[in-house]
Amino acid sequence: MSVARPKIGRLYLIHDPREWQIANQQLGYPLYIIPLTGVTHILGGVGLLIPNVPRLTEWIYAGLAINLLLAFYSQLNGGNSTWNKFDPILVMAFVFASCVLRRCMRANSWSI
């Protein structure tokens, strides 16, 4: 049995059979949702790179949080090992840290 791991958006779009099998059979996602998930992952990453659009970045962070909570729920219901189930929570910690640092930078007018 293969182990489910965090997905990268492009793997959903290039129709990688292994990724589609994990998403469809182990996690129970319908096949029509898989490419949409890939598109949203890529658009979210590109959207975070756009500077000086705070409302867009807040929506992207909200979408990422919802996406990762649903990924955690899917992992809990899948038949994976215990440690793989907490991968989305680990990624969410990084997303939360990124959101907090971005807010601090905007409030203090920092620049990188």
N, C-alpha and C. Protein backbone atom coordinates (compact mmCIF):
# COMPACT_ATOMS: atom_id res chain seq x y z
N MET A 1 0.85 -1.17 0.00
CA MET A 1 0.00 0.00 0.00
C MET A 1 0.89 1.23 0.00
N SER A 2 0.63 2.15 -0.90
CA SER A 2 1.42 3.37 -0.96
C SER A 2 0.98 4.34 0.13
N VAL A 3 1.86 5.24 0.47
CA VAL A 3 1.61 6.17 1.55
C VAL A 3 1.20 7.51 0.96
N ALA A 4 0.10 8.08 1.45
CA ALA A 4 -0.34 9.40 1.00
C ALA A 4 0.56 10.46 1.61
N ARG A 5 0.90 11.46 0.83
CA ARG A 5 1.76 12.53 1.31
C ARG A 5 1.22 13.85 0.78
N PRO A 6 1.71 14.97 1.30
CA PRO A 6 1.21 16.25 0.80
C PRO A 6 1.40 16.36 -0.72
N LYS A 7 0.42 16.89 -1.37
CA LYS A 7 0.44 16.95 -2.83
C LYS A 7 0.97 18.28 -3.31
N ILE A 8 1.55 18.25 -4.47
CA ILE A 8 1.99 19.46 -5.14
C ILE A 8 1.01 19.69 -6.29
N GLY A 9 0.59 20.92 -6.48
CA GLY A 9 -0.43 21.23 -7.46
C GLY A 9 -0.15 20.69 -8.85
N ARG A 10 1.09 20.77 -9.28
CA ARG A 10 1.39 20.34 -10.65
C ARG A 10 1.19 18.84 -10.84
N LEU A 11 1.35 18.04 -9.79
CA LEU A 11 1.15 16.60 -9.92
C LEU A 11 -0.31 16.27 -10.20
N TYR A 12 -1.22 17.10 -9.72
CA TYR A 12 -2.63 16.89 -10.03
C TYR A 12 -2.93 17.27 -11.48
N LEU A 13 -2.20 18.23 -12.00
CA LEU A 13 -2.48 18.71 -13.35
C LEU A 13 -1.86 17.85 -14.44
N ILE A 14 -0.73 17.22 -14.16
CA ILE A 14 -0.07 16.42 -15.20
C ILE A 14 -0.57 14.99 -15.22
N HIS A 15 -1.59 14.71 -14.43
CA HIS A 15 -2.23 13.40 -14.40
C HIS A 15 -1.26 12.28 -14.01
N ASP A 16 -0.47 12.54 -12.97
CA ASP A 16 0.41 11.51 -12.44
C ASP A 16 -0.46 10.38 -11.89
N PRO A 17 -0.37 9.17 -12.48
CA PRO A 17 -1.28 8.09 -12.08
C PRO A 17 -1.19 7.73 -10.60
N ARG A 18 -0.01 7.79 -10.04
CA ARG A 18 0.15 7.43 -8.62
C ARG A 18 -0.58 8.44 -7.73
N GLU A 19 -0.43 9.72 -8.03
CA GLU A 19 -1.10 10.75 -7.23
C GLU A 19 -2.62 10.66 -7.38
N TRP A 20 -3.08 10.42 -8.59
CA TRP A 20 -4.52 10.31 -8.81
C TRP A 20 -5.07 9.08 -8.10
N GLN A 21 -4.30 7.98 -8.08
CA GLN A 21 -4.75 6.78 -7.39
C GLN A 21 -4.86 7.03 -5.89
N ILE A 22 -3.88 7.71 -5.31
CA ILE A 22 -3.92 8.02 -3.88
C ILE A 22 -5.13 8.90 -3.58
N ALA A 23 -5.31 9.95 -4.37
CA ALA A 23 -6.40 10.88 -4.11
C ALA A 23 -7.76 10.23 -4.31
N ASN A 24 -7.88 9.38 -5.30
CA ASN A 24 -9.17 8.79 -5.61
C ASN A 24 -9.49 7.59 -4.73
N GLN A 25 -8.57 6.65 -4.61
CA GLN A 25 -8.88 5.41 -3.91
C GLN A 25 -8.69 5.51 -2.41
N GLN A 26 -7.57 6.07 -1.97
CA GLN A 26 -7.31 6.10 -0.53
C GLN A 26 -8.07 7.21 0.18
N LEU A 27 -8.14 8.38 -0.45
CA LEU A 27 -8.79 9.51 0.20
C LEU A 27 -10.24 9.68 -0.23
N GLY A 28 -10.64 9.05 -1.33
CA GLY A 28 -12.03 9.08 -1.75
C GLY A 28 -12.44 10.32 -2.53
N TYR A 29 -11.48 11.06 -3.09
CA TYR A 29 -11.84 12.24 -3.87
C TYR A 29 -12.38 11.82 -5.23
N PRO A 30 -13.44 12.48 -5.72
CA PRO A 30 -13.90 12.19 -7.09
C PRO A 30 -12.87 12.68 -8.11
N LEU A 31 -12.84 12.02 -9.25
CA LEU A 31 -11.82 12.33 -10.25
C LEU A 31 -11.93 13.75 -10.81
N TYR A 32 -13.12 14.33 -10.83
CA TYR A 32 -13.27 15.67 -11.39
C TYR A 32 -12.75 16.75 -10.45
N ILE A 33 -12.55 16.46 -9.18
CA ILE A 33 -12.05 17.45 -8.22
C ILE A 33 -10.53 17.56 -8.27
N ILE A 34 -9.85 16.51 -8.69
CA ILE A 34 -8.38 16.47 -8.61
C ILE A 34 -7.73 17.58 -9.44
N PRO A 35 -8.10 17.80 -10.71
CA PRO A 35 -7.46 18.91 -11.45
C PRO A 35 -7.80 20.28 -10.85
N LEU A 36 -9.01 20.45 -10.34
CA LEU A 36 -9.39 21.72 -9.72
C LEU A 36 -8.50 22.01 -8.50
N THR A 37 -8.21 20.98 -7.73
CA THR A 37 -7.32 21.14 -6.58
C THR A 37 -5.94 21.58 -7.03
N GLY A 38 -5.44 21.00 -8.10
CA GLY A 38 -4.13 21.41 -8.62
C GLY A 38 -4.10 22.85 -9.07
N VAL A 39 -5.16 23.28 -9.75
CA VAL A 39 -5.23 24.67 -10.21
C VAL A 39 -5.27 25.63 -9.03
N THR A 40 -6.06 25.30 -8.00
CA THR A 40 -6.14 26.20 -6.85
C THR A 40 -4.82 26.27 -6.08
N HIS A 41 -4.09 25.18 -6.00
CA HIS A 41 -2.78 25.20 -5.34
C HIS A 41 -1.82 26.13 -6.07
N ILE A 42 -1.79 26.02 -7.37
CA ILE A 42 -0.87 26.84 -8.17
C ILE A 42 -1.29 28.31 -8.13
N LEU A 43 -2.58 28.60 -8.30
CA LEU A 43 -3.04 29.98 -8.26
C LEU A 43 -2.80 30.62 -6.89
N GLY A 44 -2.97 29.85 -5.82
CA GLY A 44 -2.69 30.37 -4.48
C GLY A 44 -1.24 30.72 -4.30
N GLY A 45 -0.35 29.88 -4.79
CA GLY A 45 1.08 30.16 -4.69
C GLY A 45 1.48 31.39 -5.50
N VAL A 46 0.93 31.52 -6.68
CA VAL A 46 1.22 32.69 -7.51
C VAL A 46 0.63 33.95 -6.88
N GLY A 47 -0.57 33.83 -6.33
CA GLY A 47 -1.21 34.98 -5.71
C GLY A 47 -0.44 35.52 -4.51
N LEU A 48 0.22 34.64 -3.77
CA LEU A 48 1.02 35.10 -2.63
C LEU A 48 2.25 35.88 -3.06
N LEU A 49 2.66 35.70 -4.29
CA LEU A 49 3.84 36.42 -4.79
C LEU A 49 3.53 37.83 -5.27
N ILE A 50 2.26 38.16 -5.44
CA ILE A 50 1.87 39.48 -5.90
C ILE A 50 2.00 40.47 -4.75
N PRO A 51 2.82 41.51 -4.92
CA PRO A 51 3.02 42.45 -3.80
C PRO A 51 1.90 43.49 -3.71
N ASN A 52 1.73 44.05 -2.52
CA ASN A 52 0.84 45.19 -2.26
C ASN A 52 -0.62 44.95 -2.60
N VAL A 53 -1.11 43.73 -2.38
CA VAL A 53 -2.53 43.43 -2.54
C VAL A 53 -2.98 42.69 -1.27
N PRO A 54 -3.15 43.43 -0.17
CA PRO A 54 -3.41 42.76 1.11
C PRO A 54 -4.72 41.98 1.17
N ARG A 55 -5.76 42.47 0.51
CA ARG A 55 -7.04 41.75 0.56
C ARG A 55 -6.94 40.41 -0.15
N LEU A 56 -6.24 40.38 -1.28
CA LEU A 56 -6.05 39.12 -2.01
C LEU A 56 -5.26 38.13 -1.17
N THR A 57 -4.20 38.58 -0.53
CA THR A 57 -3.40 37.67 0.27
C THR A 57 -4.18 37.13 1.46
N GLU A 58 -5.05 37.93 2.06
CA GLU A 58 -5.86 37.44 3.16
C GLU A 58 -6.82 36.34 2.69
N TRP A 59 -7.40 36.53 1.52
CA TRP A 59 -8.28 35.50 0.97
C TRP A 59 -7.50 34.23 0.64
N ILE A 60 -6.30 34.40 0.13
CA ILE A 60 -5.48 33.22 -0.19
C ILE A 60 -5.12 32.46 1.07
N TYR A 61 -4.73 33.18 2.11
CA TYR A 61 -4.41 32.50 3.37
C TYR A 61 -5.64 31.80 3.94
N ALA A 62 -6.81 32.40 3.83
CA ALA A 62 -8.04 31.75 4.29
C ALA A 62 -8.31 30.48 3.49
N GLY A 63 -8.12 30.56 2.18
CA GLY A 63 -8.31 29.38 1.34
C GLY A 63 -7.32 28.27 1.66
N LEU A 64 -6.07 28.65 1.91
CA LEU A 64 -5.07 27.65 2.29
C LEU A 64 -5.41 26.99 3.61
N ALA A 65 -5.89 27.77 4.56
CA ALA A 65 -6.25 27.21 5.86
C ALA A 65 -7.41 26.21 5.72
N ILE A 66 -8.42 26.58 4.93
CA ILE A 66 -9.54 25.67 4.71
C ILE A 66 -9.08 24.41 3.98
N ASN A 67 -8.25 24.59 2.97
CA ASN A 67 -7.72 23.47 2.20
C ASN A 67 -6.94 22.52 3.10
N LEU A 68 -6.10 23.05 3.97
CA LEU A 68 -5.29 22.20 4.83
C LEU A 68 -6.12 21.53 5.93
N LEU A 69 -7.16 22.21 6.42
CA LEU A 69 -8.05 21.55 7.38
C LEU A 69 -8.79 20.38 6.73
N LEU A 70 -9.24 20.58 5.50
CA LEU A 70 -9.91 19.50 4.80
C LEU A 70 -8.94 18.37 4.46
N ALA A 71 -7.69 18.71 4.15
CA ALA A 71 -6.68 17.68 3.91
C ALA A 71 -6.43 16.86 5.17
N PHE A 72 -6.38 17.54 6.32
CA PHE A 72 -6.20 16.84 7.59
C PHE A 72 -7.38 15.91 7.85
N TYR A 73 -8.58 16.38 7.59
CA TYR A 73 -9.78 15.55 7.77
C TYR A 73 -9.74 14.34 6.83
N SER A 74 -9.31 14.54 5.60
CA SER A 74 -9.20 13.43 4.65
C SER A 74 -8.16 12.42 5.12
N GLN A 75 -7.04 12.92 5.65
CA GLN A 75 -5.99 12.02 6.14
C GLN A 75 -6.48 11.23 7.35
N LEU A 76 -7.28 11.85 8.22
CA LEU A 76 -7.81 11.13 9.38
C LEU A 76 -8.71 9.98 8.95
N ASN A 77 -9.46 10.17 7.89
CA ASN A 77 -10.38 9.13 7.42
C ASN A 77 -9.72 8.13 6.49
N GLY A 78 -8.49 8.42 6.02
CA GLY A 78 -7.77 7.49 5.17
C GLY A 78 -7.06 6.45 6.02
N GLY A 79 -6.59 5.41 5.40
CA GLY A 79 -5.92 4.33 6.13
C GLY A 79 -4.40 4.48 6.13
N ASN A 80 -3.90 5.63 6.51
CA ASN A 80 -2.47 5.88 6.49
C ASN A 80 -1.88 5.72 7.89
N SER A 81 -0.56 5.80 7.96
CA SER A 81 0.08 5.74 9.26
C SER A 81 -0.22 7.02 10.05
N THR A 82 0.01 6.95 11.33
CA THR A 82 -0.33 8.07 12.22
C THR A 82 0.44 9.32 11.87
N TRP A 83 1.71 9.22 11.54
CA TRP A 83 2.52 10.41 11.28
C TRP A 83 2.12 11.11 10.00
N ASN A 84 1.69 10.36 8.99
CA ASN A 84 1.26 10.99 7.74
C ASN A 84 0.00 11.81 7.91
N LYS A 85 -0.79 11.50 8.92
CA LYS A 85 -2.03 12.22 9.13
C LYS A 85 -1.80 13.65 9.60
N PHE A 86 -0.63 13.93 10.14
CA PHE A 86 -0.35 15.26 10.67
C PHE A 86 0.47 16.12 9.71
N ASP A 87 0.73 15.65 8.52
CA ASP A 87 1.44 16.46 7.52
C ASP A 87 0.72 17.77 7.21
N PRO A 88 -0.61 17.76 6.99
CA PRO A 88 -1.28 19.04 6.71
C PRO A 88 -1.20 20.02 7.88
N ILE A 89 -1.18 19.52 9.10
CA ILE A 89 -1.07 20.41 10.26
C ILE A 89 0.31 21.06 10.30
N LEU A 90 1.34 20.30 9.95
CA LEU A 90 2.69 20.86 9.89
C LEU A 90 2.77 21.95 8.83
N VAL A 91 2.20 21.70 7.67
CA VAL A 91 2.18 22.70 6.60
C VAL A 91 1.38 23.92 7.05
N MET A 92 0.28 23.69 7.78
CA MET A 92 -0.53 24.81 8.26
C MET A 92 0.26 25.68 9.23
N ALA A 93 1.15 25.10 9.99
CA ALA A 93 1.99 25.89 10.90
C ALA A 93 2.88 26.85 10.09
N PHE A 94 3.42 26.39 8.99
CA PHE A 94 4.23 27.25 8.14
C PHE A 94 3.38 28.34 7.47
N VAL A 95 2.18 27.98 7.04
CA VAL A 95 1.28 28.97 6.44
C VAL A 95 0.91 30.03 7.47
N PHE A 96 0.62 29.61 8.70
CA PHE A 96 0.28 30.55 9.76
C PHE A 96 1.46 31.47 10.06
N ALA A 97 2.67 30.92 10.14
CA ALA A 97 3.85 31.74 10.38
C ALA A 97 4.05 32.74 9.24
N SER A 98 3.84 32.31 8.01
CA SER A 98 3.97 33.20 6.86
C SER A 98 2.95 34.34 6.94
N CYS A 99 1.73 34.01 7.32
CA CYS A 99 0.69 35.03 7.43
C CYS A 99 1.04 36.05 8.51
N VAL A 100 1.49 35.59 9.67
CA VAL A 100 1.84 36.49 10.76
C VAL A 100 3.03 37.37 10.36
N LEU A 101 4.04 36.79 9.75
CA LEU A 101 5.20 37.59 9.33
C LEU A 101 4.83 38.61 8.26
N ARG A 102 3.94 38.24 7.35
CA ARG A 102 3.52 39.18 6.31
C ARG A 102 2.77 40.36 6.94
N ARG A 103 1.92 40.07 7.92
CA ARG A 103 1.20 41.16 8.61
C ARG A 103 2.16 42.07 9.35
N CYS A 104 3.16 41.49 10.02
CA CYS A 104 4.16 42.30 10.73
C CYS A 104 4.94 43.16 9.76
N MET A 105 5.31 42.61 8.62
CA MET A 105 6.05 43.38 7.62
C MET A 105 5.21 44.53 7.09
N ARG A 106 3.92 44.28 6.86
CA ARG A 106 3.06 45.32 6.34
C ARG A 106 2.82 46.41 7.39
N ALA A 107 2.66 46.01 8.64
CA ALA A 107 2.41 46.99 9.71
C ALA A 107 3.61 47.86 9.97
N ASN A 108 4.80 47.29 9.88
CA ASN A 108 6.03 48.04 10.14
C ASN A 108 6.70 48.55 8.88
N SER A 109 6.09 48.31 7.75
CA SER A 109 6.65 48.71 6.44
C SER A 109 8.04 48.14 6.24
N TRP A 110 8.24 46.91 6.62
CA TRP A 110 9.51 46.24 6.38
C TRP A 110 9.60 45.88 4.90
N SER A 111 10.77 45.60 4.48
CA SER A 111 10.94 45.10 3.13
C SER A 111 12.08 44.11 3.11
N ILE A 112 11.99 43.19 2.19
CA ILE A 112 13.04 42.18 2.06
C ILE A 112 13.84 42.48 0.84
